[in-house]
Amino acid sequence: MSETKRKFDAKHTFLIGLAFFSSAIAWDMYDSQVSLSLYYYLGGLGLTGLLLGLDNLVGVIIQPIMGSVSDNTRTKFGRRMPYILIGIPLGAFFFALIPFETSLISLLIFMFLFILSMSMWRSQAVALMPDFVHPENRSKGNSIINVMGGLGLVGSTLISYTIVDFSLQLAFIVVSAIMLI
């Protein structure tokens, strides 16, 4: 087939988009709920915001490194999947621990481990779509990926609305389970 006539596989792209869905649902819940816990311990918005911004700092350092590492990885699962298959369960585990914190120190430890584990697979998830979608179909692929991220935000909002007031721990466990699925 000529390059301009290659079929777009929406189902495959949707499956790739599940990584963005799980990332979006976790980060939205993290940002909305962890800020309250930090504020409880710190009593100030400035330091709370600074600590919430740690994920960006860690991501700027770790994600390019992990992206380069995965570019040079060759396994039977491919270049990206080993990092995603390890990173998402670790991220889900550390995410589930966050609402069980008992002090500022335990909250910061759980936050850092969650941020670190999420940063270890984010660049691989971003690279999956261009690895599998032909250049002429990448706009369609990117659209599906972005829709999946938006659905993750909707999912987080629904979980916050229906579960958080009942049990913050349960809400984090539900998001962790969604990440694993």
N, C-alpha and C. Protein backbone atom coordinates (compact mmCIF):
# COMPACT_ATOMS: atom_id res chain seq x y z
N MET A 1 0.84 -1.19 0.00
CA MET A 1 0.00 0.00 0.00
C MET A 1 0.88 1.24 0.00
N SER A 2 0.43 2.24 -0.67
CA SER A 2 1.18 3.48 -0.64
C SER A 2 1.04 4.10 0.75
N GLU A 3 1.97 4.96 1.07
CA GLU A 3 2.00 5.55 2.40
C GLU A 3 0.74 6.37 2.68
N THR A 4 0.17 6.99 1.68
CA THR A 4 -1.01 7.83 1.89
C THR A 4 -2.29 7.02 2.03
N LYS A 5 -2.25 5.72 1.79
CA LYS A 5 -3.48 4.91 1.85
C LYS A 5 -3.47 3.93 3.02
N ARG A 6 -2.56 4.09 3.96
CA ARG A 6 -2.52 3.17 5.10
C ARG A 6 -3.71 3.42 6.00
N LYS A 7 -4.28 2.33 6.47
CA LYS A 7 -5.48 2.40 7.29
C LYS A 7 -5.13 2.85 8.71
N PHE A 8 -6.00 3.68 9.26
CA PHE A 8 -5.85 4.15 10.63
C PHE A 8 -6.54 3.16 11.55
N ASP A 9 -5.83 2.68 12.55
CA ASP A 9 -6.37 1.70 13.50
C ASP A 9 -6.81 2.44 14.76
N ALA A 10 -8.07 2.87 14.79
CA ALA A 10 -8.60 3.64 15.91
C ALA A 10 -8.61 2.81 17.19
N LYS A 11 -8.91 1.52 17.10
CA LYS A 11 -8.96 0.65 18.28
C LYS A 11 -7.59 0.57 18.94
N HIS A 12 -6.56 0.39 18.14
CA HIS A 12 -5.21 0.30 18.68
C HIS A 12 -4.81 1.63 19.32
N THR A 13 -5.16 2.72 18.68
CA THR A 13 -4.84 4.05 19.21
C THR A 13 -5.61 4.30 20.51
N PHE A 14 -6.85 3.83 20.57
CA PHE A 14 -7.64 3.93 21.80
C PHE A 14 -6.93 3.20 22.94
N LEU A 15 -6.41 2.01 22.67
CA LEU A 15 -5.69 1.24 23.70
C LEU A 15 -4.45 1.98 24.16
N ILE A 16 -3.73 2.61 23.23
CA ILE A 16 -2.58 3.42 23.60
C ILE A 16 -3.04 4.59 24.47
N GLY A 17 -4.21 5.15 24.15
CA GLY A 17 -4.75 6.28 24.90
C GLY A 17 -5.11 5.95 26.34
N LEU A 18 -5.26 4.68 26.66
CA LEU A 18 -5.56 4.31 28.04
C LEU A 18 -4.46 4.74 29.00
N ALA A 19 -3.23 4.80 28.51
CA ALA A 19 -2.14 5.30 29.36
C ALA A 19 -2.38 6.76 29.71
N PHE A 20 -2.84 7.56 28.75
CA PHE A 20 -3.14 8.96 29.03
C PHE A 20 -4.35 9.08 29.93
N PHE A 21 -5.32 8.22 29.74
CA PHE A 21 -6.49 8.21 30.60
C PHE A 21 -6.07 7.99 32.05
N SER A 22 -5.25 6.96 32.28
CA SER A 22 -4.84 6.65 33.66
C SER A 22 -3.97 7.76 34.24
N SER A 23 -3.14 8.36 33.43
CA SER A 23 -2.31 9.47 33.89
C SER A 23 -3.19 10.67 34.26
N ALA A 24 -4.15 11.00 33.41
CA ALA A 24 -5.00 12.16 33.66
C ALA A 24 -5.87 11.98 34.90
N ILE A 25 -6.44 10.80 35.06
CA ILE A 25 -7.32 10.58 36.21
C ILE A 25 -6.53 10.65 37.51
N ALA A 26 -5.31 10.10 37.50
CA ALA A 26 -4.49 10.13 38.70
C ALA A 26 -4.00 11.55 39.02
N TRP A 27 -3.50 12.26 38.02
CA TRP A 27 -2.96 13.60 38.28
C TRP A 27 -4.06 14.57 38.70
N ASP A 28 -5.24 14.45 38.14
CA ASP A 28 -6.32 15.36 38.53
C ASP A 28 -6.74 15.11 39.98
N MET A 29 -6.86 13.85 40.34
CA MET A 29 -7.21 13.52 41.73
C MET A 29 -6.08 13.96 42.67
N TYR A 30 -4.86 13.73 42.26
CA TYR A 30 -3.68 14.13 43.05
C TYR A 30 -3.72 15.64 43.30
N ASP A 31 -3.85 16.42 42.23
CA ASP A 31 -3.81 17.87 42.38
C ASP A 31 -4.94 18.40 43.25
N SER A 32 -6.13 17.84 43.08
CA SER A 32 -7.27 18.37 43.84
C SER A 32 -7.26 17.95 45.29
N GLN A 33 -6.80 16.76 45.60
CA GLN A 33 -6.90 16.25 46.97
C GLN A 33 -5.62 16.41 47.79
N VAL A 34 -4.47 16.23 47.16
CA VAL A 34 -3.21 16.34 47.91
C VAL A 34 -2.97 17.78 48.35
N SER A 35 -3.45 18.73 47.56
CA SER A 35 -3.29 20.13 47.94
C SER A 35 -3.97 20.40 49.29
N LEU A 36 -5.10 19.77 49.53
CA LEU A 36 -5.80 19.95 50.80
C LEU A 36 -5.01 19.37 51.96
N SER A 37 -4.42 18.20 51.75
CA SER A 37 -3.61 17.58 52.81
C SER A 37 -2.38 18.41 53.10
N LEU A 38 -1.73 18.89 52.06
CA LEU A 38 -0.55 19.74 52.26
C LEU A 38 -0.92 21.01 53.01
N TYR A 39 -2.01 21.63 52.61
CA TYR A 39 -2.44 22.86 53.27
C TYR A 39 -2.75 22.60 54.75
N TYR A 40 -3.33 21.45 55.05
CA TYR A 40 -3.63 21.08 56.44
C TYR A 40 -2.35 21.09 57.28
N TYR A 41 -1.28 20.50 56.73
CA TYR A 41 -0.03 20.42 57.47
C TYR A 41 0.76 21.72 57.45
N LEU A 42 0.72 22.43 56.34
CA LEU A 42 1.59 23.59 56.18
C LEU A 42 0.91 24.91 56.53
N GLY A 43 -0.39 24.98 56.36
CA GLY A 43 -1.12 26.19 56.71
C GLY A 43 -0.89 27.37 55.78
N GLY A 44 -0.21 27.16 54.67
CA GLY A 44 0.05 28.26 53.74
C GLY A 44 -0.05 27.81 52.30
N LEU A 45 -0.51 28.72 51.48
CA LEU A 45 -0.69 28.38 50.07
C LEU A 45 0.63 28.36 49.29
N GLY A 46 1.56 29.21 49.65
CA GLY A 46 2.82 29.31 48.91
C GLY A 46 3.61 28.01 48.93
N LEU A 47 3.85 27.50 50.13
CA LEU A 47 4.61 26.25 50.25
C LEU A 47 3.81 25.07 49.71
N THR A 48 2.50 25.10 49.89
CA THR A 48 1.64 24.06 49.32
C THR A 48 1.80 24.02 47.81
N GLY A 49 1.72 25.18 47.17
CA GLY A 49 1.89 25.25 45.71
C GLY A 49 3.27 24.84 45.27
N LEU A 50 4.28 25.23 46.04
CA LEU A 50 5.65 24.84 45.71
C LEU A 50 5.81 23.33 45.73
N LEU A 51 5.29 22.67 46.75
CA LEU A 51 5.40 21.22 46.85
C LEU A 51 4.56 20.51 45.79
N LEU A 52 3.42 21.10 45.43
CA LEU A 52 2.61 20.51 44.36
C LEU A 52 3.31 20.63 43.01
N GLY A 53 4.18 21.60 42.86
CA GLY A 53 4.92 21.77 41.62
C GLY A 53 6.11 20.84 41.49
N LEU A 54 6.40 20.06 42.53
CA LEU A 54 7.52 19.11 42.47
C LEU A 54 7.40 18.14 41.31
N ASP A 55 6.17 17.76 40.96
CA ASP A 55 6.00 16.79 39.88
C ASP A 55 6.55 17.34 38.57
N ASN A 56 6.43 18.64 38.36
CA ASN A 56 6.98 19.24 37.14
C ASN A 56 8.50 19.23 37.14
N LEU A 57 9.09 19.54 38.29
CA LEU A 57 10.55 19.54 38.39
C LEU A 57 11.10 18.13 38.20
N VAL A 58 10.52 17.16 38.87
CA VAL A 58 10.98 15.78 38.73
C VAL A 58 10.77 15.30 37.30
N GLY A 59 9.63 15.66 36.71
CA GLY A 59 9.34 15.25 35.33
C GLY A 59 10.32 15.83 34.34
N VAL A 60 10.71 17.07 34.52
CA VAL A 60 11.67 17.71 33.61
C VAL A 60 13.03 17.01 33.67
N ILE A 61 13.35 16.45 34.80
CA ILE A 61 14.64 15.76 34.95
C ILE A 61 14.53 14.30 34.52
N ILE A 62 13.53 13.58 35.03
CA ILE A 62 13.43 12.13 34.83
C ILE A 62 12.90 11.75 33.44
N GLN A 63 11.88 12.44 32.95
CA GLN A 63 11.25 12.01 31.70
C GLN A 63 12.19 11.99 30.51
N PRO A 64 13.02 13.00 30.30
CA PRO A 64 13.95 12.90 29.16
C PRO A 64 14.96 11.76 29.31
N ILE A 65 15.38 11.53 30.53
CA ILE A 65 16.32 10.42 30.78
C ILE A 65 15.66 9.09 30.45
N MET A 66 14.44 8.91 30.96
CA MET A 66 13.73 7.65 30.72
C MET A 66 13.36 7.49 29.24
N GLY A 67 13.05 8.59 28.59
CA GLY A 67 12.77 8.53 27.15
C GLY A 67 13.97 8.06 26.37
N SER A 68 15.13 8.57 26.73
CA SER A 68 16.37 8.16 26.06
C SER A 68 16.69 6.70 26.36
N VAL A 69 16.48 6.30 27.59
CA VAL A 69 16.72 4.90 27.96
C VAL A 69 15.80 3.98 27.16
N SER A 70 14.53 4.35 27.05
CA SER A 70 13.61 3.47 26.31
C SER A 70 13.90 3.47 24.81
N ASP A 71 14.42 4.57 24.28
CA ASP A 71 14.80 4.59 22.87
C ASP A 71 15.87 3.55 22.56
N ASN A 72 16.67 3.23 23.56
CA ASN A 72 17.77 2.28 23.39
C ASN A 72 17.47 0.91 23.98
N THR A 73 16.24 0.67 24.37
CA THR A 73 15.84 -0.61 24.94
C THR A 73 15.30 -1.52 23.84
N ARG A 74 15.67 -2.76 23.89
CA ARG A 74 15.13 -3.76 22.95
C ARG A 74 14.72 -4.99 23.76
N THR A 75 13.41 -5.24 23.84
CA THR A 75 12.91 -6.43 24.53
C THR A 75 11.83 -7.07 23.67
N LYS A 76 11.38 -8.24 24.07
CA LYS A 76 10.29 -8.89 23.35
C LYS A 76 8.98 -8.12 23.51
N PHE A 77 8.90 -7.22 24.50
CA PHE A 77 7.72 -6.39 24.70
C PHE A 77 7.83 -5.05 23.99
N GLY A 78 8.95 -4.82 23.34
CA GLY A 78 9.18 -3.56 22.65
C GLY A 78 10.07 -2.63 23.46
N ARG A 79 10.17 -1.40 22.99
CA ARG A 79 11.04 -0.42 23.65
C ARG A 79 10.34 0.28 24.81
N ARG A 80 9.06 0.51 24.69
CA ARG A 80 8.34 1.35 25.66
C ARG A 80 7.59 0.56 26.73
N MET A 81 7.02 -0.55 26.33
CA MET A 81 6.11 -1.28 27.21
C MET A 81 6.73 -1.76 28.53
N PRO A 82 7.99 -2.19 28.58
CA PRO A 82 8.51 -2.61 29.89
C PRO A 82 8.43 -1.50 30.94
N TYR A 83 8.67 -0.27 30.53
CA TYR A 83 8.63 0.85 31.47
C TYR A 83 7.19 1.18 31.87
N ILE A 84 6.28 1.06 30.92
CA ILE A 84 4.87 1.30 31.21
C ILE A 84 4.31 0.19 32.11
N LEU A 85 4.68 -1.06 31.80
CA LEU A 85 4.18 -2.20 32.57
C LEU A 85 4.70 -2.21 34.01
N ILE A 86 5.84 -1.61 34.25
CA ILE A 86 6.38 -1.50 35.61
C ILE A 86 5.94 -0.19 36.26
N GLY A 87 5.95 0.90 35.50
CA GLY A 87 5.67 2.22 36.04
C GLY A 87 4.24 2.42 36.49
N ILE A 88 3.28 1.94 35.71
CA ILE A 88 1.88 2.16 36.08
C ILE A 88 1.52 1.43 37.39
N PRO A 89 1.89 0.15 37.56
CA PRO A 89 1.57 -0.48 38.85
C PRO A 89 2.27 0.19 40.04
N LEU A 90 3.51 0.62 39.84
CA LEU A 90 4.19 1.34 40.93
C LEU A 90 3.48 2.65 41.23
N GLY A 91 3.13 3.38 40.18
CA GLY A 91 2.40 4.63 40.37
C GLY A 91 1.08 4.40 41.08
N ALA A 92 0.36 3.36 40.68
CA ALA A 92 -0.93 3.05 41.31
C ALA A 92 -0.74 2.69 42.78
N PHE A 93 0.30 1.94 43.08
CA PHE A 93 0.56 1.54 44.47
C PHE A 93 0.86 2.77 45.34
N PHE A 94 1.78 3.60 44.89
CA PHE A 94 2.14 4.78 45.69
C PHE A 94 0.99 5.78 45.76
N PHE A 95 0.19 5.85 44.69
CA PHE A 95 -0.99 6.71 44.70
C PHE A 95 -1.98 6.26 45.76
N ALA A 96 -2.19 4.95 45.85
CA ALA A 96 -3.13 4.41 46.84
C ALA A 96 -2.67 4.67 48.27
N LEU A 97 -1.37 4.82 48.48
CA LEU A 97 -0.85 5.07 49.83
C LEU A 97 -1.05 6.51 50.29
N ILE A 98 -1.16 7.44 49.37
CA ILE A 98 -1.19 8.87 49.72
C ILE A 98 -2.25 9.20 50.77
N PRO A 99 -3.49 8.78 50.64
CA PRO A 99 -4.48 9.20 51.65
C PRO A 99 -4.34 8.47 52.99
N PHE A 100 -3.41 7.53 53.06
CA PHE A 100 -3.18 6.82 54.32
C PHE A 100 -2.02 7.44 55.09
N GLU A 101 -1.57 8.61 54.64
CA GLU A 101 -0.48 9.29 55.33
C GLU A 101 -0.88 9.59 56.77
N THR A 102 0.13 9.62 57.64
CA THR A 102 -0.13 9.90 59.05
C THR A 102 0.63 11.12 59.55
N SER A 103 1.45 11.69 58.67
CA SER A 103 2.23 12.87 59.03
C SER A 103 2.66 13.57 57.75
N LEU A 104 3.19 14.76 57.91
CA LEU A 104 3.70 15.48 56.75
C LEU A 104 4.82 14.69 56.08
N ILE A 105 5.67 14.08 56.88
CA ILE A 105 6.79 13.31 56.33
C ILE A 105 6.28 12.13 55.49
N SER A 106 5.32 11.38 56.02
CA SER A 106 4.81 10.24 55.24
C SER A 106 4.10 10.72 53.98
N LEU A 107 3.38 11.84 54.07
CA LEU A 107 2.74 12.40 52.88
C LEU A 107 3.78 12.77 51.83
N LEU A 108 4.84 13.43 52.24
CA LEU A 108 5.89 13.83 51.30
C LEU A 108 6.59 12.62 50.67
N ILE A 109 6.80 11.59 51.45
CA ILE A 109 7.43 10.37 50.92
C ILE A 109 6.53 9.72 49.89
N PHE A 110 5.24 9.56 50.22
CA PHE A 110 4.31 8.95 49.26
C PHE A 110 4.16 9.80 48.01
N MET A 111 4.12 11.12 48.19
CA MET A 111 4.05 12.03 47.04
C MET A 111 5.27 11.85 46.13
N PHE A 112 6.45 11.86 46.74
CA PHE A 112 7.67 11.76 45.94
C PHE A 112 7.74 10.43 45.20
N LEU A 113 7.39 9.34 45.86
CA LEU A 113 7.43 8.03 45.20
C LEU A 113 6.41 7.95 44.07
N PHE A 114 5.24 8.54 44.28
CA PHE A 114 4.24 8.59 43.21
C PHE A 114 4.76 9.42 42.03
N ILE A 115 5.27 10.59 42.31
CA ILE A 115 5.80 11.47 41.25
C ILE A 115 6.92 10.77 40.49
N LEU A 116 7.82 10.14 41.20
CA LEU A 116 8.95 9.46 40.57
C LEU A 116 8.48 8.31 39.68
N SER A 117 7.56 7.50 40.19
CA SER A 117 7.10 6.35 39.41
C SER A 117 6.30 6.81 38.19
N MET A 118 5.51 7.86 38.31
CA MET A 118 4.77 8.38 37.16
C MET A 118 5.72 8.97 36.11
N SER A 119 6.77 9.62 36.57
CA SER A 119 7.74 10.21 35.64
C SER A 119 8.52 9.15 34.87
N MET A 120 8.59 7.95 35.42
CA MET A 120 9.38 6.90 34.78
C MET A 120 8.68 6.28 33.57
N TRP A 121 7.38 6.52 33.39
CA TRP A 121 6.70 5.93 32.24
C TRP A 121 5.98 6.95 31.36
N ARG A 122 5.93 8.20 31.76
CA ARG A 122 5.18 9.21 31.00
C ARG A 122 5.73 9.41 29.59
N SER A 123 7.03 9.56 29.45
CA SER A 123 7.59 9.80 28.10
C SER A 123 7.41 8.59 27.20
N GLN A 124 7.41 7.39 27.77
CA GLN A 124 7.18 6.19 26.97
C GLN A 124 5.74 6.16 26.46
N ALA A 125 4.79 6.58 27.29
CA ALA A 125 3.40 6.62 26.87
C ALA A 125 3.20 7.63 25.74
N VAL A 126 3.89 8.76 25.84
CA VAL A 126 3.82 9.78 24.80
C VAL A 126 4.38 9.25 23.48
N ALA A 127 5.44 8.46 23.56
CA ALA A 127 6.10 7.95 22.35
C ALA A 127 5.38 6.77 21.71
N LEU A 128 4.47 6.14 22.41
CA LEU A 128 3.78 4.97 21.86
C LEU A 128 2.98 5.30 20.61
N MET A 129 2.21 6.37 20.66
CA MET A 129 1.34 6.67 19.53
C MET A 129 2.16 6.88 18.25
N PRO A 130 3.19 7.71 18.23
CA PRO A 130 3.96 7.85 16.99
C PRO A 130 4.70 6.57 16.58
N ASP A 131 4.98 5.69 17.54
CA ASP A 131 5.62 4.42 17.20
C ASP A 131 4.69 3.52 16.39
N PHE A 132 3.38 3.63 16.61
CA PHE A 132 2.43 2.71 16.01
C PHE A 132 1.49 3.33 14.97
N VAL A 133 1.44 4.63 14.92
CA VAL A 133 0.53 5.30 14.00
C VAL A 133 1.36 5.94 12.89
N HIS A 134 0.98 5.67 11.66
CA HIS A 134 1.70 6.21 10.51
C HIS A 134 1.61 7.73 10.49
N PRO A 135 2.63 8.40 9.98
CA PRO A 135 2.66 9.87 10.02
C PRO A 135 1.41 10.55 9.47
N GLU A 136 0.83 10.01 8.42
CA GLU A 136 -0.34 10.67 7.84
C GLU A 136 -1.58 10.54 8.71
N ASN A 137 -1.54 9.68 9.72
CA ASN A 137 -2.69 9.48 10.61
C ASN A 137 -2.45 10.00 12.02
N ARG A 138 -1.34 10.66 12.25
CA ARG A 138 -1.00 11.08 13.62
C ARG A 138 -1.92 12.15 14.17
N SER A 139 -2.49 12.99 13.33
CA SER A 139 -3.46 13.97 13.82
C SER A 139 -4.69 13.27 14.39
N LYS A 140 -5.16 12.25 13.70
CA LYS A 140 -6.29 11.46 14.20
C LYS A 140 -5.89 10.76 15.50
N GLY A 141 -4.69 10.19 15.50
CA GLY A 141 -4.21 9.50 16.69
C GLY A 141 -4.09 10.44 17.87
N ASN A 142 -3.55 11.63 17.64
CA ASN A 142 -3.40 12.61 18.70
C ASN A 142 -4.76 13.05 19.23
N SER A 143 -5.74 13.14 18.34
CA SER A 143 -7.09 13.50 18.77
C SER A 143 -7.65 12.46 19.73
N ILE A 144 -7.48 11.20 19.39
CA ILE A 144 -7.98 10.13 20.26
C ILE A 144 -7.25 10.16 21.61
N ILE A 145 -5.94 10.36 21.58
CA ILE A 145 -5.15 10.42 22.81
C ILE A 145 -5.66 11.56 23.70
N ASN A 146 -5.89 12.72 23.11
CA ASN A 146 -6.37 13.87 23.89
C ASN A 146 -7.78 13.65 24.43
N VAL A 147 -8.63 13.00 23.66
CA VAL A 147 -9.97 12.66 24.16
C VAL A 147 -9.85 11.73 25.36
N MET A 148 -8.95 10.78 25.29
CA MET A 148 -8.76 9.85 26.42
C MET A 148 -8.30 10.61 27.67
N GLY A 149 -7.40 11.56 27.50
CA GLY A 149 -6.98 12.38 28.63
C GLY A 149 -8.13 13.17 29.20
N GLY A 150 -8.96 13.74 28.34
CA GLY A 150 -10.14 14.48 28.80
C GLY A 150 -11.12 13.58 29.53
N LEU A 151 -11.31 12.37 29.04
CA LEU A 151 -12.18 11.42 29.74
C LEU A 151 -11.63 11.07 31.12
N GLY A 152 -10.31 11.03 31.23
CA GLY A 152 -9.69 10.80 32.54
C GLY A 152 -10.04 11.91 33.51
N LEU A 153 -10.03 13.16 33.03
CA LEU A 153 -10.41 14.29 33.88
C LEU A 153 -11.88 14.20 34.30
N VAL A 154 -12.73 13.80 33.38
CA VAL A 154 -14.15 13.62 33.70
C VAL A 154 -14.30 12.50 34.74
N GLY A 155 -13.55 11.41 34.55
CA GLY A 155 -13.60 10.31 35.51
C GLY A 155 -13.17 10.74 36.90
N SER A 156 -12.12 11.52 36.98
CA SER A 156 -11.64 12.00 38.27
C SER A 156 -12.68 12.90 38.93
N THR A 157 -13.30 13.75 38.13
CA THR A 157 -14.33 14.63 38.67
C THR A 157 -15.50 13.82 39.22
N LEU A 158 -15.91 12.79 38.50
CA LEU A 158 -17.02 11.95 38.96
C LEU A 158 -16.65 11.20 40.24
N ILE A 159 -15.42 10.72 40.30
CA ILE A 159 -14.98 10.02 41.52
C ILE A 159 -14.92 10.99 42.69
N SER A 160 -14.41 12.19 42.44
CA SER A 160 -14.38 13.19 43.51
C SER A 160 -15.78 13.53 44.00
N TYR A 161 -16.70 13.66 43.07
CA TYR A 161 -18.07 14.03 43.41
C TYR A 161 -18.80 12.93 44.16
N THR A 162 -18.55 11.67 43.79
CA THR A 162 -19.34 10.57 44.35
C THR A 162 -18.68 9.85 45.52
N ILE A 163 -17.35 9.87 45.60
CA ILE A 163 -16.68 9.01 46.59
C ILE A 163 -15.88 9.79 47.64
N VAL A 164 -15.26 10.89 47.28
CA VAL A 164 -14.31 11.57 48.18
C VAL A 164 -14.95 11.93 49.52
N ASP A 165 -16.15 12.48 49.50
CA ASP A 165 -16.78 12.86 50.78
C ASP A 165 -17.11 11.64 51.64
N PHE A 166 -17.33 10.52 51.00
CA PHE A 166 -17.60 9.27 51.70
C PHE A 166 -16.30 8.68 52.26
N SER A 167 -15.27 8.60 51.42
CA SER A 167 -13.99 8.04 51.83
C SER A 167 -12.89 8.45 50.86
N LEU A 168 -11.98 9.29 51.32
CA LEU A 168 -10.85 9.70 50.49
C LEU A 168 -9.98 8.50 50.14
N GLN A 169 -9.78 7.61 51.09
CA GLN A 169 -8.98 6.41 50.85
C GLN A 169 -9.59 5.56 49.74
N LEU A 170 -10.90 5.37 49.79
CA LEU A 170 -11.57 4.58 48.76
C LEU A 170 -11.43 5.25 47.39
N ALA A 171 -11.56 6.55 47.35
CA ALA A 171 -11.42 7.26 46.07
C ALA A 171 -10.04 7.02 45.46
N PHE A 172 -9.00 7.09 46.26
CA PHE A 172 -7.65 6.86 45.76
C PHE A 172 -7.46 5.40 45.35
N ILE A 173 -8.06 4.48 46.07
CA ILE A 173 -7.97 3.06 45.70
C ILE A 173 -8.70 2.81 44.39
N VAL A 174 -9.85 3.43 44.19
CA VAL A 174 -10.59 3.27 42.93
C VAL A 174 -9.76 3.79 41.76
N VAL A 175 -9.15 4.94 41.92
CA VAL A 175 -8.30 5.49 40.83
C VAL A 175 -7.11 4.56 40.60
N SER A 176 -6.52 4.04 41.65
CA SER A 176 -5.40 3.10 41.50
C SER A 176 -5.85 1.85 40.73
N ALA A 177 -7.02 1.34 41.06
CA ALA A 177 -7.53 0.17 40.35
C ALA A 177 -7.77 0.49 38.88
N ILE A 178 -8.29 1.66 38.58
CA ILE A 178 -8.49 2.07 37.19
C ILE A 178 -7.15 2.14 36.47
N MET A 179 -6.14 2.66 37.13
CA MET A 179 -4.80 2.72 36.51
C MET A 179 -4.31 1.31 36.15
N LEU A 180 -4.53 0.37 37.03
CA LEU A 180 -4.06 -0.99 36.80
C LEU A 180 -4.84 -1.67 35.66
N ILE A 181 -6.12 -1.38 35.58
CA ILE A 181 -6.94 -1.98 34.53
C ILE A 181 -6.51 -1.43 33.19
